[in-house]
């Protein structure tokens, strides 16, 4: 049995202020790990900066690894666990910015750095889209990462799971007026790929957005194991058995029954 304990954090952020946000994230890590042993903690999208920073992202983005990543890598190392979180990142060319999710491990190292592929609205003017979908092999399982609007597109999660991902981590800043879509997409992506999904969404308000919350942990049948409401800043914890993904995929033949030759239009641009 490959049973692990996962925690999902639902938090507000101080817009454009990485230091207080990192302090809050560190407090969550300490609070969660003082209550029970966990293997993985997931934080929302752009958790270190907030979402509506606009052109300020040019000053707020950091390299990976960099100062913010190093803080959370130290927390992961201290507690012997994995931490996933959203961050605005940049390459060596200062003008190339990404909306990223980073997974750091118990050795204090960067295990995975995913750049959001599907940019929504104003994000398209601020960030460059990523293009790689690669699950990360970790001691706790094969993990894929998605950010916010990525879950609107089923191809990304399917691609990760076809490459073996058993657990998908979603860091999001999903708006309250689209909360019904959030719930639908998370459950659908889990059920159609027979995978676990740990989805951490923002709460609170920024000038143009009220965030939906409703963070959740969902099983490979698409059923919600545990969740939070739309306003609560806090966290949820669940034990999951990653062997369930293999068992359910074998029972349903969910991948073997696919007919890729019939799906050619999926890979057309328009």
C-alpha atoms as a PDB file:
ATOM      1  CA  UNK A   1       0.000   0.000   0.000  1.00  0.00           C
ATOM      2  CA  UNK A   2       1.372   3.390  -1.015  1.00  0.00           C
ATOM      3  CA  UNK A   3      -0.546   5.543   1.428  1.00  0.00           C
ATOM      4  CA  UNK A   4       0.499   9.175   1.824  1.00  0.00           C
ATOM      5  CA  UNK A   5      -0.901  12.102   3.776  1.00  0.00           C
ATOM      6  CA  UNK A   6      -1.515  15.304   1.843  1.00  0.00           C
ATOM      7  CA  UNK A   7      -2.504  18.791   2.983  1.00  0.00           C
ATOM      8  CA  UNK A   8      -4.035  21.543   0.851  1.00  0.00           C
ATOM      9  CA  UNK A   9      -3.783  25.156   2.012  1.00  0.00           C
ATOM     10  CA  UNK A  10      -6.425  27.742   1.169  1.00  0.00           C
ATOM     11  CA  UNK A  11      -5.070  31.222   1.885  1.00  0.00           C
ATOM     12  CA  UNK A  12      -5.328  34.896   1.096  1.00  0.00           C
ATOM     13  CA  UNK A  13      -2.191  36.810   0.118  1.00  0.00           C
ATOM     14  CA  UNK A  14      -0.854  40.313   0.618  1.00  0.00           C
ATOM     15  CA  UNK A  15      -0.732  41.753  -2.886  1.00  0.00           C
ATOM     16  CA  UNK A  16       2.789  42.418  -4.104  1.00  0.00           C
ATOM     17  CA  UNK A  17       4.478  41.584  -0.780  1.00  0.00           C
ATOM     18  CA  UNK A  18       6.439  38.309  -0.886  1.00  0.00           C
ATOM     19  CA  UNK A  19       7.867  38.507   2.649  1.00  0.00           C
ATOM     20  CA  UNK A  20       4.551  38.457   4.583  1.00  0.00           C
ATOM     21  CA  UNK A  21       3.207  35.829   2.206  1.00  0.00           C
ATOM     22  CA  UNK A  22       6.217  33.589   2.768  1.00  0.00           C
ATOM     23  CA  UNK A  23       5.872  34.118   6.517  1.00  0.00           C
ATOM     24  CA  UNK A  24       2.210  33.042   6.342  1.00  0.00           C
ATOM     25  CA  UNK A  25       3.112  29.992   4.250  1.00  0.00           C
ATOM     26  CA  UNK A  26       5.826  29.036   6.734  1.00  0.00           C
ATOM     27  CA  UNK A  27       3.295  29.389   9.562  1.00  0.00           C
ATOM     28  CA  UNK A  28       0.923  27.053   7.737  1.00  0.00           C
ATOM     29  CA  UNK A  29       3.715  24.491   7.315  1.00  0.00           C
ATOM     30  CA  UNK A  30       4.513  24.637  11.036  1.00  0.00           C
ATOM     31  CA  UNK A  31       0.852  24.441  12.046  1.00  0.00           C
ATOM     32  CA  UNK A  32       0.100  21.485   9.782  1.00  0.00           C
ATOM     33  CA  UNK A  33       3.195  19.483  10.683  1.00  0.00           C
ATOM     34  CA  UNK A  34       2.777  20.108  14.411  1.00  0.00           C
ATOM     35  CA  UNK A  35      -0.668  18.502  14.233  1.00  0.00           C
ATOM     36  CA  UNK A  36       0.247  15.405  12.194  1.00  0.00           C
ATOM     37  CA  UNK A  37       2.881  13.951   9.900  1.00  0.00           C
ATOM     38  CA  UNK A  38       2.278  14.859   6.275  1.00  0.00           C
ATOM     39  CA  UNK A  39       4.111  13.973   3.085  1.00  0.00           C
ATOM     40  CA  UNK A  40       2.981  16.863   0.894  1.00  0.00           C
ATOM     41  CA  UNK A  41       1.560  20.387   1.274  1.00  0.00           C
ATOM     42  CA  UNK A  42       0.009  22.289  -1.656  1.00  0.00           C
ATOM     43  CA  UNK A  43      -0.401  26.100  -1.811  1.00  0.00           C
ATOM     44  CA  UNK A  44      -2.363  28.232  -4.341  1.00  0.00           C
ATOM     45  CA  UNK A  45      -1.318  29.968  -7.561  1.00  0.00           C
ATOM     46  CA  UNK A  46       1.044  32.969  -7.234  1.00  0.00           C
ATOM     47  CA  UNK A  47       0.979  32.413  -3.480  1.00  0.00           C
ATOM     48  CA  UNK A  48       4.146  34.429  -2.885  1.00  0.00           C
ATOM     49  CA  UNK A  49       2.946  37.613  -4.626  1.00  0.00           C
ATOM     50  CA  UNK A  50      -0.789  37.643  -5.177  1.00  0.00           C
ATOM     51  CA  UNK A  51      -2.483  37.627  -8.570  1.00  0.00           C
ATOM     52  CA  UNK A  52      -3.206  41.187  -9.754  1.00  0.00           C
ATOM     53  CA  UNK A  53       0.282  42.683  -9.644  1.00  0.00           C
ATOM     54  CA  UNK A  54       0.209  43.819 -13.276  1.00  0.00           C
ATOM     55  CA  UNK A  55       3.460  45.377 -14.468  1.00  0.00           C
ATOM     56  CA  UNK A  56       4.864  45.037 -10.935  1.00  0.00           C
ATOM     57  CA  UNK A  57       5.529  41.404 -11.802  1.00  0.00           C
ATOM     58  CA  UNK A  58       8.624  42.638 -13.649  1.00  0.00           C
ATOM     59  CA  UNK A  59      10.091  43.513 -10.233  1.00  0.00           C
ATOM     60  CA  UNK A  60       8.499  40.663  -8.259  1.00  0.00           C
ATOM     61  CA  UNK A  61       9.462  37.667 -10.390  1.00  0.00           C
ATOM     62  CA  UNK A  62      12.331  35.505  -9.160  1.00  0.00           C
ATOM     63  CA  UNK A  63      14.496  32.782 -10.598  1.00  0.00           C
ATOM     64  CA  UNK A  64      14.002  29.165  -9.629  1.00  0.00           C
ATOM     65  CA  UNK A  65      15.746  28.448  -7.381  1.00  0.00           C
ATOM     66  CA  UNK A  66      15.839  31.886  -5.839  1.00  0.00           C
ATOM     67  CA  UNK A  67      15.034  33.637  -2.537  1.00  0.00           C
ATOM     68  CA  UNK A  68      11.379  32.583  -2.170  1.00  0.00           C
ATOM     69  CA  UNK A  69      12.005  29.039  -3.384  1.00  0.00           C
ATOM     70  CA  UNK A  70      14.905  28.751  -0.947  1.00  0.00           C
ATOM     71  CA  UNK A  71      12.677  29.730   1.998  1.00  0.00           C
ATOM     72  CA  UNK A  72      10.116  27.051   1.220  1.00  0.00           C
ATOM     73  CA  UNK A  73      12.790  24.505   0.346  1.00  0.00           C
ATOM     74  CA  UNK A  74      14.188  25.065   3.828  1.00  0.00           C
ATOM     75  CA  UNK A  75      10.727  24.472   5.350  1.00  0.00           C
ATOM     76  CA  UNK A  76      10.443  21.253   3.311  1.00  0.00           C
ATOM     77  CA  UNK A  77      13.857  20.118   4.476  1.00  0.00           C
ATOM     78  CA  UNK A  78      13.141  20.928   8.121  1.00  0.00           C
ATOM     79  CA  UNK A  79       9.933  18.891   8.104  1.00  0.00           C
ATOM     80  CA  UNK A  80      11.006  16.149   5.693  1.00  0.00           C
ATOM     81  CA  UNK A  81       8.190  16.635   3.194  1.00  0.00           C
ATOM     82  CA  UNK A  82       7.279  18.014  -0.248  1.00  0.00           C
ATOM     83  CA  UNK A  83       5.795  21.495  -0.760  1.00  0.00           C
ATOM     84  CA  UNK A  84       4.134  22.741  -3.964  1.00  0.00           C
ATOM     85  CA  UNK A  85       3.346  26.437  -4.469  1.00  0.00           C
ATOM     86  CA  UNK A  86       2.687  29.070  -7.094  1.00  0.00           C
ATOM     87  CA  UNK A  87       5.281  31.743  -7.875  1.00  0.00           C
ATOM     88  CA  UNK A  88       6.010  34.307 -10.595  1.00  0.00           C
ATOM     89  CA  UNK A  89       9.317  33.223 -12.132  1.00  0.00           C
ATOM     90  CA  UNK A  90      11.765  34.523 -14.723  1.00  0.00           C
ATOM     91  CA  UNK A  91      14.536  33.218 -16.902  1.00  0.00           C
ATOM     92  CA  UNK A  92      18.008  34.711 -17.260  1.00  0.00           C
ATOM     93  CA  UNK A  93      16.516  37.117 -19.788  1.00  0.00           C
ATOM     94  CA  UNK A  94      14.789  39.490 -17.378  1.00  0.00           C
ATOM     95  CA  UNK A  95      11.837  40.218 -19.665  1.00  0.00           C
ATOM     96  CA  UNK A  96      10.714  36.569 -19.947  1.00  0.00           C
ATOM     97  CA  UNK A  97       8.248  35.925 -17.116  1.00  0.00           C
ATOM     98  CA  UNK A  98       6.225  32.836 -16.250  1.00  0.00           C
ATOM     99  CA  UNK A  99       3.330  31.957 -13.974  1.00  0.00           C
ATOM    100  CA  UNK A 100       4.939  28.922 -12.350  1.00  0.00           C
ATOM    101  CA  UNK A 101       4.381  26.148  -9.842  1.00  0.00           C
ATOM    102  CA  UNK A 102       7.349  24.707  -7.991  1.00  0.00           C
ATOM    103  CA  UNK A 103       7.632  21.450  -6.078  1.00  0.00           C
ATOM    104  CA  UNK A 104      10.422  21.282  -3.514  1.00  0.00           C
ATOM    105  CA  UNK A 105      11.418  18.082  -1.732  1.00  0.00           C
ATOM    106  CA  UNK A 106      12.604  16.895   1.672  1.00  0.00           C
ATOM    107  CA  UNK A 107      16.235  17.277   0.628  1.00  0.00           C
ATOM    108  CA  UNK A 108      15.625  20.988   0.103  1.00  0.00           C
ATOM    109  CA  UNK A 109      15.888  20.603  -3.669  1.00  0.00           C
ATOM    110  CA  UNK A 110      13.663  21.671  -6.565  1.00  0.00           C
ATOM    111  CA  UNK A 111      11.876  18.513  -7.703  1.00  0.00           C
ATOM    112  CA  UNK A 112       9.738  20.099 -10.425  1.00  0.00           C
ATOM    113  CA  UNK A 113       9.261  23.531 -11.999  1.00  0.00           C
ATOM    114  CA  UNK A 114       6.130  23.793 -14.133  1.00  0.00           C
ATOM    115  CA  UNK A 115       5.239  26.897 -16.177  1.00  0.00           C
ATOM    116  CA  UNK A 116       1.538  27.541 -16.768  1.00  0.00           C
ATOM    117  CA  UNK A 117       0.593  26.678 -20.334  1.00  0.00           C
ATOM    118  CA  UNK A 118      -2.929  28.100 -20.590  1.00  0.00           C
ATOM    119  CA  UNK A 119      -2.840  31.808 -19.792  1.00  0.00           C
ATOM    120  CA  UNK A 120      -6.138  33.603 -19.218  1.00  0.00           C
ATOM    121  CA  UNK A 121      -6.998  37.228 -19.940  1.00  0.00           C
ATOM    122  CA  UNK A 122      -4.426  39.737 -18.707  1.00  0.00           C
ATOM    123  CA  UNK A 123      -1.982  36.931 -17.930  1.00  0.00           C
ATOM    124  CA  UNK A 124      -1.297  36.745 -21.667  1.00  0.00           C
ATOM    125  CA  UNK A 125       0.168  40.266 -21.544  1.00  0.00           C
ATOM    126  CA  UNK A 126       2.324  39.573 -18.493  1.00  0.00           C
ATOM    127  CA  UNK A 127       3.610  36.020 -18.859  1.00  0.00           C
ATOM    128  CA  UNK A 128       4.930  33.744 -21.537  1.00  0.00           C
ATOM    129  CA  UNK A 129       3.163  30.369 -21.768  1.00  0.00           C
ATOM    130  CA  UNK A 130       5.058  27.250 -20.826  1.00  0.00           C
ATOM    131  CA  UNK A 131       4.960  24.164 -23.022  1.00  0.00           C
ATOM    132  CA  UNK A 132       6.289  21.148 -21.103  1.00  0.00           C
ATOM    133  CA  UNK A 133       4.056  18.630 -19.343  1.00  0.00           C
ATOM    134  CA  UNK A 134       6.314  16.266 -17.442  1.00  0.00           C
ATOM    135  CA  UNK A 135       5.321  14.336 -14.314  1.00  0.00           C
ATOM    136  CA  UNK A 136       7.966  14.319 -11.602  1.00  0.00           C
ATOM    137  CA  UNK A 137       9.148  11.045 -10.135  1.00  0.00           C
ATOM    138  CA  UNK A 138       9.274  11.376  -6.354  1.00  0.00           C
ATOM    139  CA  UNK A 139       9.562   8.953  -3.415  1.00  0.00           C
ATOM    140  CA  UNK A 140       5.838   9.426  -2.757  1.00  0.00           C
ATOM    141  CA  UNK A 141       4.662   8.837  -6.322  1.00  0.00           C
ATOM    142  CA  UNK A 142       4.597  10.217  -9.854  1.00  0.00           C
ATOM    143  CA  UNK A 143       3.287  13.789  -9.599  1.00  0.00           C
ATOM    144  CA  UNK A 144       1.948  16.165 -12.257  1.00  0.00           C
ATOM    145  CA  UNK A 145       1.348  19.891 -11.809  1.00  0.00           C
ATOM    146  CA  UNK A 146      -1.293  22.248 -13.221  1.00  0.00           C
ATOM    147  CA  UNK A 147      -2.105  25.914 -12.565  1.00  0.00           C
ATOM    148  CA  UNK A 148      -5.530  27.520 -12.485  1.00  0.00           C
ATOM    149  CA  UNK A 149      -7.068  27.738 -15.948  1.00  0.00           C
ATOM    150  CA  UNK A 150      -5.028  24.724 -17.094  1.00  0.00           C
ATOM    151  CA  UNK A 151      -7.805  22.501 -15.726  1.00  0.00           C
ATOM    152  CA  UNK A 152     -10.237  24.054 -18.232  1.00  0.00           C
ATOM    153  CA  UNK A 153      -8.347  22.048 -20.875  1.00  0.00           C
ATOM    154  CA  UNK A 154      -8.571  18.244 -20.465  1.00  0.00           C
ATOM    155  CA  UNK A 155      -5.589  17.560 -22.726  1.00  0.00           C
ATOM    156  CA  UNK A 156      -3.006  18.666 -20.141  1.00  0.00           C
ATOM    157  CA  UNK A 157      -4.127  16.396 -17.323  1.00  0.00           C
ATOM    158  CA  UNK A 158      -4.616  13.519 -19.759  1.00  0.00           C
ATOM    159  CA  UNK A 159      -1.100  13.976 -21.129  1.00  0.00           C
ATOM    160  CA  UNK A 160       0.399  13.914 -17.626  1.00  0.00           C
ATOM    161  CA  UNK A 161      -1.547  10.782 -16.714  1.00  0.00           C
ATOM    162  CA  UNK A 162      -0.661   8.988 -19.944  1.00  0.00           C
ATOM    163  CA  UNK A 163       2.941   9.574 -18.885  1.00  0.00           C
ATOM    164  CA  UNK A 164       2.203   7.909 -15.561  1.00  0.00           C
ATOM    165  CA  UNK A 165       1.094  10.677 -13.203  1.00  0.00           C
ATOM    166  CA  UNK A 166      -0.911   9.288 -10.281  1.00  0.00           C
ATOM    167  CA  UNK A 167      -1.441  12.530  -8.404  1.00  0.00           C
ATOM    168  CA  UNK A 168      -2.118  15.968  -9.919  1.00  0.00           C
ATOM    169  CA  UNK A 169      -1.419  19.098  -7.888  1.00  0.00           C
ATOM    170  CA  UNK A 170      -3.450  22.154  -8.894  1.00  0.00           C
ATOM    171  CA  UNK A 171      -2.473  25.595  -7.621  1.00  0.00           C
ATOM    172  CA  UNK A 172      -5.176  28.115  -8.519  1.00  0.00           C
ATOM    173  CA  UNK A 173      -6.465  31.662  -8.176  1.00  0.00           C
ATOM    174  CA  UNK A 174      -9.945  30.879  -9.492  1.00  0.00           C
ATOM    175  CA  UNK A 175     -12.584  33.613  -9.372  1.00  0.00           C
ATOM    176  CA  UNK A 176     -15.755  33.293  -7.337  1.00  0.00           C
ATOM    177  CA  UNK A 177     -18.071  34.008 -10.283  1.00  0.00           C
ATOM    178  CA  UNK A 178     -16.800  30.826 -11.968  1.00  0.00           C
ATOM    179  CA  UNK A 179     -16.887  28.580  -8.897  1.00  0.00           C
ATOM    180  CA  UNK A 180     -19.283  26.088 -10.505  1.00  0.00           C
ATOM    181  CA  UNK A 181     -16.752  25.478 -13.279  1.00  0.00           C
ATOM    182  CA  UNK A 182     -13.982  24.995 -10.720  1.00  0.00           C
ATOM    183  CA  UNK A 183     -15.842  22.195  -8.956  1.00  0.00           C
ATOM    184  CA  UNK A 184     -16.840  20.554 -12.226  1.00  0.00           C
ATOM    185  CA  UNK A 185     -13.408  20.641 -13.818  1.00  0.00           C
ATOM    186  CA  UNK A 186     -11.523  19.294 -10.788  1.00  0.00           C
ATOM    187  CA  UNK A 187     -13.869  16.327 -10.373  1.00  0.00           C
ATOM    188  CA  UNK A 188     -13.959  15.677 -14.124  1.00  0.00           C
ATOM    189  CA  UNK A 189     -10.178  15.720 -14.573  1.00  0.00           C
ATOM    190  CA  UNK A 190      -9.836  13.233 -11.697  1.00  0.00           C
ATOM    191  CA  UNK A 191     -12.538  10.839 -12.922  1.00  0.00           C
ATOM    192  CA  UNK A 192     -11.586  10.844 -16.600  1.00  0.00           C
ATOM    193  CA  UNK A 193      -7.964   9.995 -15.751  1.00  0.00           C
ATOM    194  CA  UNK A 194      -8.488   7.885 -12.615  1.00  0.00           C
ATOM    195  CA  UNK A 195      -6.079  10.057 -10.630  1.00  0.00           C
ATOM    196  CA  UNK A 196      -6.058  11.887  -7.334  1.00  0.00           C
ATOM    197  CA  UNK A 197      -6.186  15.683  -7.500  1.00  0.00           C
ATOM    198  CA  UNK A 198      -5.123  18.029  -4.710  1.00  0.00           C
ATOM    199  CA  UNK A 199      -6.477  21.465  -5.642  1.00  0.00           C
ATOM    200  CA  UNK A 200      -5.492  24.571  -3.657  1.00  0.00           C
ATOM    201  CA  UNK A 201      -7.443  27.711  -4.531  1.00  0.00           C
ATOM    202  CA  UNK A 202      -7.171  31.294  -3.273  1.00  0.00           C
ATOM    203  CA  UNK A 203      -9.587  33.116  -1.009  1.00  0.00           C
ATOM    204  CA  UNK A 204      -9.865  36.843  -0.383  1.00  0.00           C
ATOM    205  CA  UNK A 205     -10.185  39.798  -2.714  1.00  0.00           C
ATOM    206  CA  UNK A 206      -7.976  41.840  -4.993  1.00  0.00           C
ATOM    207  CA  UNK A 207      -9.055  44.981  -6.885  1.00  0.00           C
ATOM    208  CA  UNK A 208     -10.842  43.150  -9.717  1.00  0.00           C
ATOM    209  CA  UNK A 209     -11.307  39.624  -8.352  1.00  0.00           C
ATOM    210  CA  UNK A 210     -12.972  37.800  -5.495  1.00  0.00           C
ATOM    211  CA  UNK A 211     -11.511  34.308  -5.246  1.00  0.00           C
ATOM    212  CA  UNK A 212     -13.646  31.193  -4.985  1.00  0.00           C
ATOM    213  CA  UNK A 213     -11.831  29.066  -2.414  1.00  0.00           C
ATOM    214  CA  UNK A 214     -13.433  25.609  -2.341  1.00  0.00           C
ATOM    215  CA  UNK A 215     -10.066  23.864  -2.245  1.00  0.00           C
ATOM    216  CA  UNK A 216     -10.432  20.098  -2.339  1.00  0.00           C
ATOM    217  CA  UNK A 217      -8.856  16.672  -2.464  1.00  0.00           C
ATOM    218  CA  UNK A 218     -10.559  14.391  -4.998  1.00  0.00           C
ATOM    219  CA  UNK A 219     -10.234  10.644  -5.538  1.00  0.00           C
ATOM    220  CA  UNK A 220      -9.804   8.724  -8.836  1.00  0.00           C
ATOM    221  CA  UNK A 221     -13.577   8.336  -9.168  1.00  0.00           C
ATOM    222  CA  UNK A 222     -14.018  12.113  -9.099  1.00  0.00           C
ATOM    223  CA  UNK A 223     -15.472  12.068  -5.589  1.00  0.00           C
ATOM    224  CA  UNK A 224     -14.510  14.818  -3.143  1.00  0.00           C
ATOM    225  CA  UNK A 225     -12.712  13.335  -0.144  1.00  0.00           C
ATOM    226  CA  UNK A 226     -12.496  16.600   1.779  1.00  0.00           C
ATOM    227  CA  UNK A 227     -12.966  20.274   0.921  1.00  0.00           C
ATOM    228  CA  UNK A 228     -13.207  23.807   2.288  1.00  0.00           C
ATOM    229  CA  UNK A 229     -15.927  26.411   1.763  1.00  0.00           C
ATOM    230  CA  UNK A 230     -15.614  29.562  -0.307  1.00  0.00           C
ATOM    231  CA  UNK A 231     -14.401  31.912   2.426  1.00  0.00           C
ATOM    232  CA  UNK A 232     -12.367  29.924   4.940  1.00  0.00           C
ATOM    233  CA  UNK A 233      -8.635  30.527   5.177  1.00  0.00           C
ATOM    234  CA  UNK A 234      -7.255  27.246   6.436  1.00  0.00           C
ATOM    235  CA  UNK A 235      -6.232  23.780   5.322  1.00  0.00           C
ATOM    236  CA  UNK A 236      -7.517  20.264   4.760  1.00  0.00           C
ATOM    237  CA  UNK A 237      -5.716  16.948   5.210  1.00  0.00           C
ATOM    238  CA  UNK A 238      -6.405  13.481   3.817  1.00  0.00           C
ATOM    239  CA  UNK A 239      -4.730  10.103   3.583  1.00  0.00           C
ATOM    240  CA  UNK A 240      -4.735   8.736   0.039  1.00  0.00           C
ATOM    241  CA  UNK A 241      -3.591   5.399  -1.341  1.00  0.00           C
ATOM    242  CA  UNK A 242      -1.872   5.907  -4.695  1.00  0.00           C
ATOM    243  CA  UNK A 243      -2.336   2.216  -5.497  1.00  0.00           C
ATOM    244  CA  UNK A 244      -5.999   3.129  -6.077  1.00  0.00           C
ATOM    245  CA  UNK A 245      -5.032   4.907  -9.301  1.00  0.00           C
ATOM    246  CA  UNK A 246      -3.464   1.756 -10.714  1.00  0.00           C
ATOM    247  CA  UNK A 247      -6.345  -0.437  -9.565  1.00  0.00           C
ATOM    248  CA  UNK A 248      -9.068   1.785 -11.013  1.00  0.00           C
ATOM    249  CA  UNK A 249      -7.196   2.265 -14.293  1.00  0.00           C
ATOM    250  CA  UNK A 250      -6.911  -1.499 -14.638  1.00  0.00           C
ATOM    251  CA  UNK A 251     -10.593  -2.047 -13.764  1.00  0.00           C
ATOM    252  CA  UNK A 252     -11.895   0.564 -16.196  1.00  0.00           C
ATOM    253  CA  UNK A 253      -9.265   0.119 -18.937  1.00  0.00           C
ATOM    254  CA  UNK A 254      -9.539   3.898 -19.158  1.00  0.00           C
ATOM    255  CA  UNK A 255      -6.374   4.284 -21.219  1.00  0.00           C
ATOM    256  CA  UNK A 256      -6.336   0.984 -23.088  1.00  0.00           C
ATOM    257  CA  UNK A 257      -9.817   1.664 -24.507  1.00  0.00           C
ATOM    258  CA  UNK A 258      -8.759   4.959 -26.071  1.00  0.00           C
ATOM    259  CA  UNK A 259      -8.814   5.310 -29.875  1.00  0.00           C
ATOM    260  CA  UNK A 260      -6.138   7.941 -30.636  1.00  0.00           C
ATOM    261  CA  UNK A 261      -6.517   7.674 -34.413  1.00  0.00           C
ATOM    262  CA  UNK A 262     -10.015   9.071 -34.003  1.00  0.00           C
ATOM    263  CA  UNK A 263      -8.797  12.115 -32.090  1.00  0.00           C
ATOM    264  CA  UNK A 264      -6.586  13.744 -34.730  1.00  0.00           C
ATOM    265  CA  UNK A 265      -8.388  17.076 -34.512  1.00  0.00           C
ATOM    266  CA  UNK A 266      -7.324  17.372 -30.857  1.00  0.00           C
ATOM    267  CA  UNK A 267      -3.769  18.255 -31.876  1.00  0.00           C
ATOM    268  CA  UNK A 268      -4.777  20.790 -34.526  1.00  0.00           C
ATOM    269  CA  UNK A 269      -4.228  24.403 -33.479  1.00  0.00           C
ATOM    270  CA  UNK A 270      -7.710  25.530 -34.560  1.00  0.00           C
END
